[in-house]
N, C-alpha and C. Protein backbone atom coordinates (compact mmCIF):
# COMPACT_ATOMS: atom_id res chain seq x y z
N MET A 1 0.82 -1.20 0.00
CA MET A 1 0.00 0.00 0.00
C MET A 1 0.86 1.26 0.00
N LYS A 2 2.11 1.16 0.40
CA LYS A 2 2.93 2.36 0.49
C LYS A 2 3.34 2.91 -0.87
N ASP A 3 3.28 2.11 -1.93
CA ASP A 3 3.64 2.58 -3.26
C ASP A 3 2.41 3.04 -4.03
N PHE A 4 1.57 3.81 -3.40
CA PHE A 4 0.33 4.28 -3.98
C PHE A 4 0.52 5.74 -4.36
N PHE A 5 0.49 6.04 -5.66
CA PHE A 5 0.77 7.38 -6.13
C PHE A 5 -0.32 7.87 -7.06
N TRP A 6 -0.43 9.18 -7.15
CA TRP A 6 -1.36 9.81 -8.07
C TRP A 6 -0.88 9.56 -9.49
N ASP A 7 -1.82 9.26 -10.38
CA ASP A 7 -1.51 9.27 -11.80
C ASP A 7 -2.73 9.80 -12.54
N SER A 8 -2.57 10.04 -13.80
CA SER A 8 -3.62 10.72 -14.57
C SER A 8 -4.94 9.93 -14.63
N SER A 9 -4.91 8.65 -14.32
CA SER A 9 -6.15 7.87 -14.34
C SER A 9 -7.13 8.33 -13.26
N TYR A 10 -6.65 9.09 -12.28
CA TYR A 10 -7.53 9.62 -11.23
C TYR A 10 -8.15 10.96 -11.60
N ASN A 11 -7.65 11.60 -12.64
CA ASN A 11 -8.14 12.93 -13.01
C ASN A 11 -9.63 12.91 -13.33
N VAL A 12 -10.34 13.92 -12.80
CA VAL A 12 -11.75 14.09 -13.12
C VAL A 12 -11.97 15.27 -14.06
N GLY A 13 -10.90 15.99 -14.36
CA GLY A 13 -11.00 17.09 -15.31
C GLY A 13 -11.34 18.43 -14.70
N VAL A 14 -11.41 18.49 -13.39
CA VAL A 14 -11.63 19.75 -12.68
C VAL A 14 -10.42 19.92 -11.77
N LYS A 15 -9.54 20.87 -12.15
CA LYS A 15 -8.24 20.99 -11.48
C LYS A 15 -8.36 21.09 -9.96
N LYS A 16 -9.29 21.89 -9.50
CA LYS A 16 -9.46 22.05 -8.05
C LYS A 16 -9.74 20.71 -7.37
N PHE A 17 -10.58 19.90 -7.97
CA PHE A 17 -10.92 18.61 -7.37
C PHE A 17 -9.80 17.59 -7.54
N ASP A 18 -9.12 17.65 -8.66
CA ASP A 18 -7.96 16.78 -8.82
C ASP A 18 -6.91 17.10 -7.76
N ASP A 19 -6.68 18.38 -7.51
CA ASP A 19 -5.72 18.77 -6.47
C ASP A 19 -6.17 18.30 -5.09
N GLN A 20 -7.46 18.41 -4.82
CA GLN A 20 -7.97 17.96 -3.53
C GLN A 20 -7.90 16.44 -3.40
N HIS A 21 -8.13 15.73 -4.48
CA HIS A 21 -8.00 14.28 -4.45
C HIS A 21 -6.54 13.87 -4.20
N LYS A 22 -5.62 14.64 -4.74
CA LYS A 22 -4.20 14.37 -4.49
C LYS A 22 -3.91 14.46 -2.99
N HIS A 23 -4.58 15.38 -2.33
CA HIS A 23 -4.42 15.53 -0.88
C HIS A 23 -4.83 14.25 -0.15
N LEU A 24 -5.86 13.60 -0.64
CA LEU A 24 -6.31 12.35 -0.03
C LEU A 24 -5.24 11.26 -0.18
N ILE A 25 -4.61 11.21 -1.32
CA ILE A 25 -3.52 10.23 -1.51
C ILE A 25 -2.36 10.56 -0.57
N GLU A 26 -2.10 11.84 -0.38
CA GLU A 26 -1.04 12.23 0.58
C GLU A 26 -1.41 11.80 2.00
N ALA A 27 -2.69 11.90 2.35
CA ALA A 27 -3.13 11.46 3.68
C ALA A 27 -2.90 9.96 3.83
N LEU A 28 -3.16 9.21 2.78
CA LEU A 28 -2.91 7.76 2.81
C LEU A 28 -1.42 7.49 3.02
N LYS A 29 -0.57 8.23 2.32
CA LYS A 29 0.87 8.08 2.50
C LYS A 29 1.27 8.43 3.94
N ASP A 30 0.66 9.49 4.49
CA ASP A 30 0.97 9.90 5.87
C ASP A 30 0.62 8.80 6.86
N ILE A 31 -0.53 8.17 6.65
CA ILE A 31 -0.93 7.09 7.56
C ILE A 31 0.05 5.92 7.44
N ASN A 32 0.39 5.57 6.22
CA ASN A 32 1.35 4.47 6.03
C ASN A 32 2.70 4.79 6.68
N LYS A 33 3.14 6.02 6.52
CA LYS A 33 4.41 6.44 7.12
C LYS A 33 4.32 6.39 8.64
N ALA A 34 3.22 6.83 9.18
CA ALA A 34 3.04 6.81 10.64
C ALA A 34 3.07 5.38 11.16
N MET A 35 2.46 4.44 10.39
CA MET A 35 2.48 3.04 10.81
C MET A 35 3.91 2.49 10.76
N GLU A 36 4.62 2.80 9.66
CA GLU A 36 5.99 2.31 9.51
C GLU A 36 6.89 2.83 10.62
N ASP A 37 6.70 4.11 10.96
CA ASP A 37 7.55 4.75 11.97
C ASP A 37 7.08 4.46 13.39
N LYS A 38 5.94 3.77 13.51
CA LYS A 38 5.35 3.49 14.83
C LYS A 38 5.20 4.78 15.65
N ARG A 39 4.63 5.78 14.96
CA ARG A 39 4.46 7.09 15.60
C ARG A 39 3.41 7.04 16.70
N ASP A 40 3.45 8.07 17.52
CA ASP A 40 2.55 8.15 18.67
C ASP A 40 1.15 8.63 18.26
N LYS A 41 0.30 8.67 19.25
CA LYS A 41 -1.11 9.02 19.05
C LYS A 41 -1.27 10.43 18.48
N LEU A 42 -0.44 11.35 18.89
CA LEU A 42 -0.54 12.72 18.41
C LEU A 42 -0.33 12.80 16.89
N ALA A 43 0.62 12.04 16.37
CA ALA A 43 0.88 12.05 14.94
C ALA A 43 -0.32 11.52 14.16
N ILE A 44 -0.94 10.47 14.68
CA ILE A 44 -2.12 9.91 14.01
C ILE A 44 -3.29 10.89 14.12
N ALA A 45 -3.39 11.58 15.25
CA ALA A 45 -4.45 12.58 15.41
C ALA A 45 -4.35 13.66 14.34
N GLN A 46 -3.13 14.04 13.98
CA GLN A 46 -2.95 15.05 12.94
C GLN A 46 -3.48 14.54 11.60
N VAL A 47 -3.20 13.29 11.29
CA VAL A 47 -3.68 12.71 10.03
C VAL A 47 -5.20 12.68 10.02
N ILE A 48 -5.80 12.25 11.11
CA ILE A 48 -7.26 12.20 11.19
C ILE A 48 -7.86 13.60 11.08
N ASN A 49 -7.24 14.57 11.71
CA ASN A 49 -7.74 15.95 11.61
C ASN A 49 -7.63 16.46 10.17
N ASN A 50 -6.56 16.09 9.47
CA ASN A 50 -6.44 16.47 8.06
C ASN A 50 -7.56 15.84 7.24
N LEU A 51 -7.89 14.60 7.54
CA LEU A 51 -8.98 13.94 6.82
C LEU A 51 -10.32 14.60 7.11
N LYS A 52 -10.54 14.99 8.35
CA LYS A 52 -11.78 15.69 8.70
C LYS A 52 -11.88 17.00 7.94
N LYS A 53 -10.77 17.72 7.87
CA LYS A 53 -10.74 18.99 7.13
C LYS A 53 -11.04 18.73 5.65
N TYR A 54 -10.43 17.68 5.11
CA TYR A 54 -10.68 17.30 3.72
C TYR A 54 -12.17 17.06 3.50
N ALA A 55 -12.76 16.29 4.39
CA ALA A 55 -14.18 15.95 4.25
C ALA A 55 -15.04 17.20 4.32
N GLN A 56 -14.73 18.07 5.26
CA GLN A 56 -15.55 19.28 5.43
C GLN A 56 -15.45 20.20 4.21
N GLU A 57 -14.26 20.35 3.66
CA GLU A 57 -14.07 21.30 2.56
C GLU A 57 -14.36 20.67 1.19
N HIS A 58 -13.67 19.61 0.89
CA HIS A 58 -13.77 19.05 -0.46
C HIS A 58 -15.16 18.51 -0.77
N LEU A 59 -15.71 17.71 0.11
CA LEU A 59 -16.98 17.07 -0.21
C LEU A 59 -18.09 18.09 -0.42
N ILE A 60 -18.10 19.14 0.39
CA ILE A 60 -19.11 20.20 0.22
C ILE A 60 -18.89 20.95 -1.09
N GLU A 61 -17.63 21.27 -1.40
CA GLU A 61 -17.35 21.97 -2.65
C GLU A 61 -17.76 21.12 -3.85
N GLU A 62 -17.45 19.84 -3.80
CA GLU A 62 -17.80 18.96 -4.90
C GLU A 62 -19.32 18.85 -5.04
N GLU A 63 -20.01 18.72 -3.92
CA GLU A 63 -21.47 18.63 -3.97
C GLU A 63 -22.08 19.91 -4.55
N ASN A 64 -21.60 21.06 -4.12
CA ASN A 64 -22.11 22.32 -4.66
C ASN A 64 -21.85 22.42 -6.16
N PHE A 65 -20.69 21.99 -6.58
CA PHE A 65 -20.35 21.99 -8.00
C PHE A 65 -21.32 21.10 -8.78
N LEU A 66 -21.59 19.92 -8.25
CA LEU A 66 -22.49 18.99 -8.93
C LEU A 66 -23.90 19.56 -9.05
N LEU A 67 -24.33 20.26 -8.02
CA LEU A 67 -25.64 20.94 -8.09
C LEU A 67 -25.63 22.00 -9.18
N ASP A 68 -24.55 22.79 -9.22
CA ASP A 68 -24.45 23.89 -10.19
C ASP A 68 -24.47 23.39 -11.63
N ILE A 69 -23.87 22.24 -11.89
CA ILE A 69 -23.82 21.74 -13.27
C ILE A 69 -25.04 20.88 -13.62
N GLY A 70 -25.92 20.68 -12.65
CA GLY A 70 -27.12 19.89 -12.89
C GLY A 70 -26.84 18.40 -13.04
N TYR A 71 -25.90 17.91 -12.27
CA TYR A 71 -25.50 16.51 -12.37
C TYR A 71 -26.67 15.62 -11.97
N PRO A 72 -27.10 14.72 -12.84
CA PRO A 72 -28.31 13.93 -12.57
C PRO A 72 -28.18 12.91 -11.43
N ASP A 73 -26.97 12.47 -11.12
CA ASP A 73 -26.78 11.49 -10.04
C ASP A 73 -26.31 12.15 -8.75
N TYR A 74 -26.68 13.41 -8.59
CA TYR A 74 -26.24 14.18 -7.41
C TYR A 74 -26.59 13.49 -6.10
N GLU A 75 -27.83 13.05 -5.95
CA GLU A 75 -28.27 12.47 -4.67
C GLU A 75 -27.45 11.24 -4.29
N GLU A 76 -27.20 10.37 -5.26
CA GLU A 76 -26.38 9.18 -4.98
C GLU A 76 -24.95 9.58 -4.64
N HIS A 77 -24.44 10.56 -5.34
CA HIS A 77 -23.07 11.02 -5.08
C HIS A 77 -22.97 11.57 -3.65
N LYS A 78 -23.94 12.37 -3.29
CA LYS A 78 -23.97 12.93 -1.94
C LYS A 78 -24.09 11.82 -0.90
N ARG A 79 -24.87 10.80 -1.18
CA ARG A 79 -25.01 9.67 -0.27
C ARG A 79 -23.65 8.99 -0.05
N GLN A 80 -22.89 8.85 -1.10
CA GLN A 80 -21.55 8.27 -0.98
C GLN A 80 -20.66 9.13 -0.08
N HIS A 81 -20.78 10.43 -0.21
CA HIS A 81 -20.03 11.34 0.65
C HIS A 81 -20.44 11.19 2.11
N GLU A 82 -21.73 11.00 2.34
CA GLU A 82 -22.22 10.81 3.71
C GLU A 82 -21.63 9.53 4.32
N ILE A 83 -21.52 8.49 3.51
CA ILE A 83 -20.91 7.25 3.99
C ILE A 83 -19.45 7.52 4.39
N PHE A 84 -18.74 8.27 3.58
CA PHE A 84 -17.35 8.61 3.90
C PHE A 84 -17.27 9.37 5.23
N LYS A 85 -18.12 10.39 5.38
CA LYS A 85 -18.09 11.19 6.61
C LYS A 85 -18.48 10.36 7.83
N ASP A 86 -19.46 9.48 7.68
CA ASP A 86 -19.87 8.61 8.79
C ASP A 86 -18.73 7.67 9.20
N LYS A 87 -18.07 7.10 8.21
CA LYS A 87 -16.95 6.19 8.49
C LYS A 87 -15.81 6.96 9.16
N LEU A 88 -15.55 8.15 8.70
CA LEU A 88 -14.50 8.97 9.30
C LEU A 88 -14.85 9.31 10.76
N ALA A 89 -16.11 9.60 11.01
CA ALA A 89 -16.54 9.88 12.39
C ALA A 89 -16.36 8.65 13.27
N LYS A 90 -16.64 7.47 12.73
CA LYS A 90 -16.42 6.23 13.49
C LYS A 90 -14.93 6.03 13.78
N PHE A 91 -14.09 6.31 12.81
CA PHE A 91 -12.65 6.21 13.04
C PHE A 91 -12.23 7.15 14.16
N CYS A 92 -12.78 8.35 14.18
CA CYS A 92 -12.46 9.30 15.24
C CYS A 92 -12.88 8.76 16.60
N ASP A 93 -14.07 8.20 16.68
CA ASP A 93 -14.54 7.62 17.93
C ASP A 93 -13.63 6.47 18.37
N ASP A 94 -13.32 5.61 17.42
CA ASP A 94 -12.43 4.47 17.73
C ASP A 94 -11.06 4.94 18.17
N PHE A 95 -10.56 5.96 17.49
CA PHE A 95 -9.25 6.51 17.82
C PHE A 95 -9.24 7.03 19.25
N ASN A 96 -10.28 7.74 19.60
CA ASN A 96 -10.37 8.30 20.95
C ASN A 96 -10.56 7.21 22.00
N SER A 97 -10.98 6.02 21.57
CA SER A 97 -11.13 4.88 22.49
C SER A 97 -9.90 3.98 22.50
N ASP A 98 -8.82 4.43 21.85
CA ASP A 98 -7.56 3.68 21.79
C ASP A 98 -7.71 2.30 21.18
N ARG A 99 -8.52 2.20 20.13
CA ARG A 99 -8.71 0.93 19.47
C ARG A 99 -7.47 0.54 18.67
N TYR A 100 -7.04 -0.68 18.86
CA TYR A 100 -5.84 -1.21 18.21
C TYR A 100 -6.09 -1.46 16.72
N LEU A 101 -5.07 -1.32 15.91
CA LEU A 101 -5.08 -1.54 14.47
C LEU A 101 -5.89 -0.50 13.70
N LEU A 102 -6.23 0.59 14.31
CA LEU A 102 -7.00 1.62 13.64
C LEU A 102 -6.24 2.19 12.44
N HIS A 103 -4.94 2.39 12.57
CA HIS A 103 -4.14 2.96 11.49
C HIS A 103 -4.33 2.14 10.21
N PHE A 104 -4.23 0.84 10.35
CA PHE A 104 -4.36 -0.04 9.20
C PHE A 104 -5.76 0.06 8.59
N GLU A 105 -6.78 0.09 9.43
CA GLU A 105 -8.15 0.18 8.93
C GLU A 105 -8.39 1.48 8.17
N ILE A 106 -7.86 2.58 8.69
CA ILE A 106 -8.01 3.87 7.99
C ILE A 106 -7.29 3.80 6.64
N ALA A 107 -6.09 3.24 6.62
CA ALA A 107 -5.33 3.14 5.37
C ALA A 107 -6.08 2.32 4.33
N VAL A 108 -6.63 1.19 4.74
CA VAL A 108 -7.39 0.34 3.82
C VAL A 108 -8.63 1.08 3.33
N PHE A 109 -9.33 1.74 4.24
CA PHE A 109 -10.53 2.49 3.87
C PHE A 109 -10.20 3.58 2.85
N LEU A 110 -9.13 4.34 3.09
CA LEU A 110 -8.76 5.41 2.17
C LEU A 110 -8.38 4.87 0.80
N LYS A 111 -7.61 3.81 0.79
CA LYS A 111 -7.22 3.24 -0.50
C LYS A 111 -8.46 2.77 -1.26
N ASN A 112 -9.37 2.11 -0.58
CA ASN A 112 -10.61 1.67 -1.23
C ASN A 112 -11.45 2.84 -1.71
N TRP A 113 -11.50 3.90 -0.90
CA TRP A 113 -12.26 5.10 -1.29
C TRP A 113 -11.66 5.71 -2.55
N ILE A 114 -10.35 5.81 -2.60
CA ILE A 114 -9.69 6.37 -3.77
C ILE A 114 -9.99 5.53 -5.01
N LEU A 115 -9.87 4.23 -4.85
CA LEU A 115 -10.08 3.34 -6.00
C LEU A 115 -11.54 3.25 -6.42
N SER A 116 -12.46 3.25 -5.45
CA SER A 116 -13.86 3.08 -5.81
C SER A 116 -14.59 4.40 -6.01
N HIS A 117 -14.28 5.39 -5.20
CA HIS A 117 -15.03 6.64 -5.33
C HIS A 117 -14.43 7.54 -6.41
N ILE A 118 -13.16 7.85 -6.29
CA ILE A 118 -12.57 8.77 -7.26
C ILE A 118 -12.53 8.14 -8.66
N LYS A 119 -12.04 6.90 -8.74
CA LYS A 119 -11.88 6.29 -10.06
C LYS A 119 -13.18 5.78 -10.68
N VAL A 120 -14.23 5.66 -9.89
CA VAL A 120 -15.49 5.16 -10.43
C VAL A 120 -16.60 6.21 -10.30
N VAL A 121 -16.93 6.58 -9.06
CA VAL A 121 -18.07 7.48 -8.83
C VAL A 121 -17.78 8.89 -9.36
N ASP A 122 -16.60 9.44 -9.03
CA ASP A 122 -16.27 10.78 -9.51
C ASP A 122 -16.07 10.80 -11.02
N LYS A 123 -15.59 9.71 -11.57
CA LYS A 123 -15.42 9.65 -13.03
C LYS A 123 -16.75 9.80 -13.76
N LYS A 124 -17.83 9.44 -13.10
CA LYS A 124 -19.15 9.59 -13.73
C LYS A 124 -19.48 11.06 -13.95
N TYR A 125 -19.15 11.91 -12.98
CA TYR A 125 -19.43 13.33 -13.23
C TYR A 125 -18.43 13.90 -14.22
N ALA A 126 -17.23 13.35 -14.29
CA ALA A 126 -16.27 13.77 -15.30
C ALA A 126 -16.82 13.45 -16.69
N ASP A 127 -17.39 12.26 -16.85
CA ASP A 127 -18.00 11.88 -18.13
C ASP A 127 -19.19 12.78 -18.46
N PHE A 128 -20.00 13.09 -17.44
CA PHE A 128 -21.14 13.98 -17.63
C PHE A 128 -20.67 15.35 -18.12
N LEU A 129 -19.59 15.86 -17.53
CA LEU A 129 -19.05 17.16 -17.97
C LEU A 129 -18.59 17.12 -19.41
N LYS A 130 -17.92 16.04 -19.79
CA LYS A 130 -17.46 15.90 -21.18
C LYS A 130 -18.64 15.89 -22.14
N GLU A 131 -19.66 15.13 -21.80
CA GLU A 131 -20.86 15.06 -22.65
C GLU A 131 -21.54 16.41 -22.74
N LYS A 132 -21.62 17.08 -21.61
CA LYS A 132 -22.30 18.37 -21.55
C LYS A 132 -21.57 19.42 -22.38
N SER A 133 -20.24 19.34 -22.37
CA SER A 133 -19.46 20.32 -23.13
C SER A 133 -19.26 19.90 -24.58
N GLY A 134 -19.70 18.69 -24.93
CA GLY A 134 -19.60 18.24 -26.31
C GLY A 134 -18.22 17.73 -26.70
N LEU A 135 -17.41 17.37 -25.72
CA LEU A 135 -16.05 16.87 -26.04
C LEU A 135 -16.06 15.39 -26.37
């Protein structure tokens, strides 16, 4: 999992969102590095706080964008975002309860989110934009 890097296959065609998605991959790298280095709770708390910030900013911006462009699958897309936020909230609760192996679970969750959400769900709005613009 540590050799997970951004490549053009993740691009959705909206620079702001591509840049924000890159941040998510960096968070995954940070978690992997923290696990490798056997860092303390404070270091992991920083990673989780970065993920919370990501969720608060990026997901809302993306949802507003989808509304603005009239994306037909908006409700399902938003539901997927809610699942992400709920899972992140559970990780926070577990983290505060000193649950063992949390680092690994977050890393697996993020990798799956990147592969399934960005490369599949977000690509759908990228395709919609291409169709809408006639490209």
